[in-house]
């Protein structure tokens, strides 16, 4: 009998940010009920999307992401 374990490895990198940005992320994560890492990841993702789609507003980017995630029930409220 052979027992195999499959491990998923998540490679995480460390990025250096200024103390000021770290403080802003920390404050925002409490308001938005996210972990500090989740808040930073959200800001990075939205910043990237904003750079790739300079003609879209923040709200339009959120709607686009909800559509991509097939979040129909949330989209009814947002639209």
Protein backbone atom coordinates (compact mmCIF):
# COMPACT_ATOMS: atom_id res chain seq x y z
CA UNK A 1 0.00 0.00 0.00
CA UNK A 2 1.34 3.37 -1.00
CA UNK A 3 0.15 6.58 0.58
CA UNK A 4 0.89 9.71 -1.36
CA UNK A 5 0.58 13.25 -0.14
CA UNK A 6 0.22 16.11 -2.51
CA UNK A 7 1.48 19.41 -1.25
CA UNK A 8 0.61 22.69 -2.84
CA UNK A 9 3.45 25.11 -2.49
CA UNK A 10 2.68 28.77 -2.42
CA UNK A 11 5.70 30.88 -3.10
CA UNK A 12 5.40 34.19 -1.38
CA UNK A 13 7.65 37.10 -2.03
CA UNK A 14 8.41 39.94 0.28
CA UNK A 15 8.15 43.45 -1.03
CA UNK A 16 9.59 46.51 0.60
CA UNK A 17 7.23 49.43 1.10
CA UNK A 18 7.66 52.69 2.95
CA UNK A 19 6.53 53.02 6.54
CA UNK A 20 3.96 55.59 5.41
CA UNK A 21 2.36 53.19 2.91
CA UNK A 22 2.42 50.40 5.50
CA UNK A 23 0.59 52.64 7.98
CA UNK A 24 -2.04 53.50 5.36
CA UNK A 25 -2.54 49.82 4.50
CA UNK A 26 -2.85 48.97 8.19
CA UNK A 27 -5.46 51.70 8.78
CA UNK A 28 -7.43 50.78 5.66
CA UNK A 29 -7.46 47.06 6.39
CA UNK A 30 -9.22 47.70 9.70
CA UNK A 31 -11.89 49.84 8.04
CA UNK A 32 -12.40 47.39 5.17
CA UNK A 33 -12.34 44.27 7.42
CA UNK A 34 -9.47 42.71 5.49
CA UNK A 35 -6.15 41.36 6.65
CA UNK A 36 -3.23 43.68 6.03
CA UNK A 37 -2.00 41.33 3.28
CA UNK A 38 -5.44 41.17 1.66
CA UNK A 39 -5.70 44.98 1.69
CA UNK A 40 -2.28 45.39 0.11
CA UNK A 41 -3.12 42.74 -2.49
CA UNK A 42 -6.41 44.51 -3.28
CA UNK A 43 -4.64 47.85 -3.77
CA UNK A 44 -1.99 46.24 -5.96
CA UNK A 45 -4.61 44.45 -8.06
CA UNK A 46 -6.75 47.56 -8.50
CA UNK A 47 -3.71 49.68 -9.31
CA UNK A 48 -2.66 47.19 -11.97
CA UNK A 49 -6.16 47.13 -13.43
CA UNK A 50 -6.24 50.94 -13.44
CA UNK A 51 -2.96 51.06 -15.35
CA UNK A 52 -4.21 48.49 -17.87
CA UNK A 53 -7.60 50.23 -18.25
CA UNK A 54 -6.95 53.98 -17.90
CA UNK A 55 -10.33 54.82 -19.43
CA UNK A 56 -12.32 53.03 -16.68
CA UNK A 57 -13.32 54.45 -13.31
CA UNK A 58 -12.80 52.57 -10.05
CA UNK A 59 -16.50 51.63 -10.01
CA UNK A 60 -16.31 50.35 -13.58
CA UNK A 61 -13.26 48.25 -12.69
CA UNK A 62 -15.15 46.72 -9.75
CA UNK A 63 -18.14 45.89 -11.98
CA UNK A 64 -15.79 44.36 -14.56
CA UNK A 65 -14.17 42.17 -11.89
CA UNK A 66 -17.57 41.10 -10.57
CA UNK A 67 -18.63 40.17 -14.09
CA UNK A 68 -15.43 38.16 -14.54
CA UNK A 69 -16.20 36.34 -11.28
CA UNK A 70 -19.81 35.69 -12.36
CA UNK A 71 -21.04 37.40 -9.19
CA UNK A 72 -24.52 38.03 -10.59
CA UNK A 73 -26.28 38.57 -7.25
CA UNK A 74 -23.78 41.26 -6.26
CA UNK A 75 -23.93 42.87 -9.71
CA UNK A 76 -27.69 43.41 -9.35
CA UNK A 77 -27.00 45.56 -6.28
CA UNK A 78 -24.03 47.42 -7.82
CA UNK A 79 -25.69 48.24 -11.14
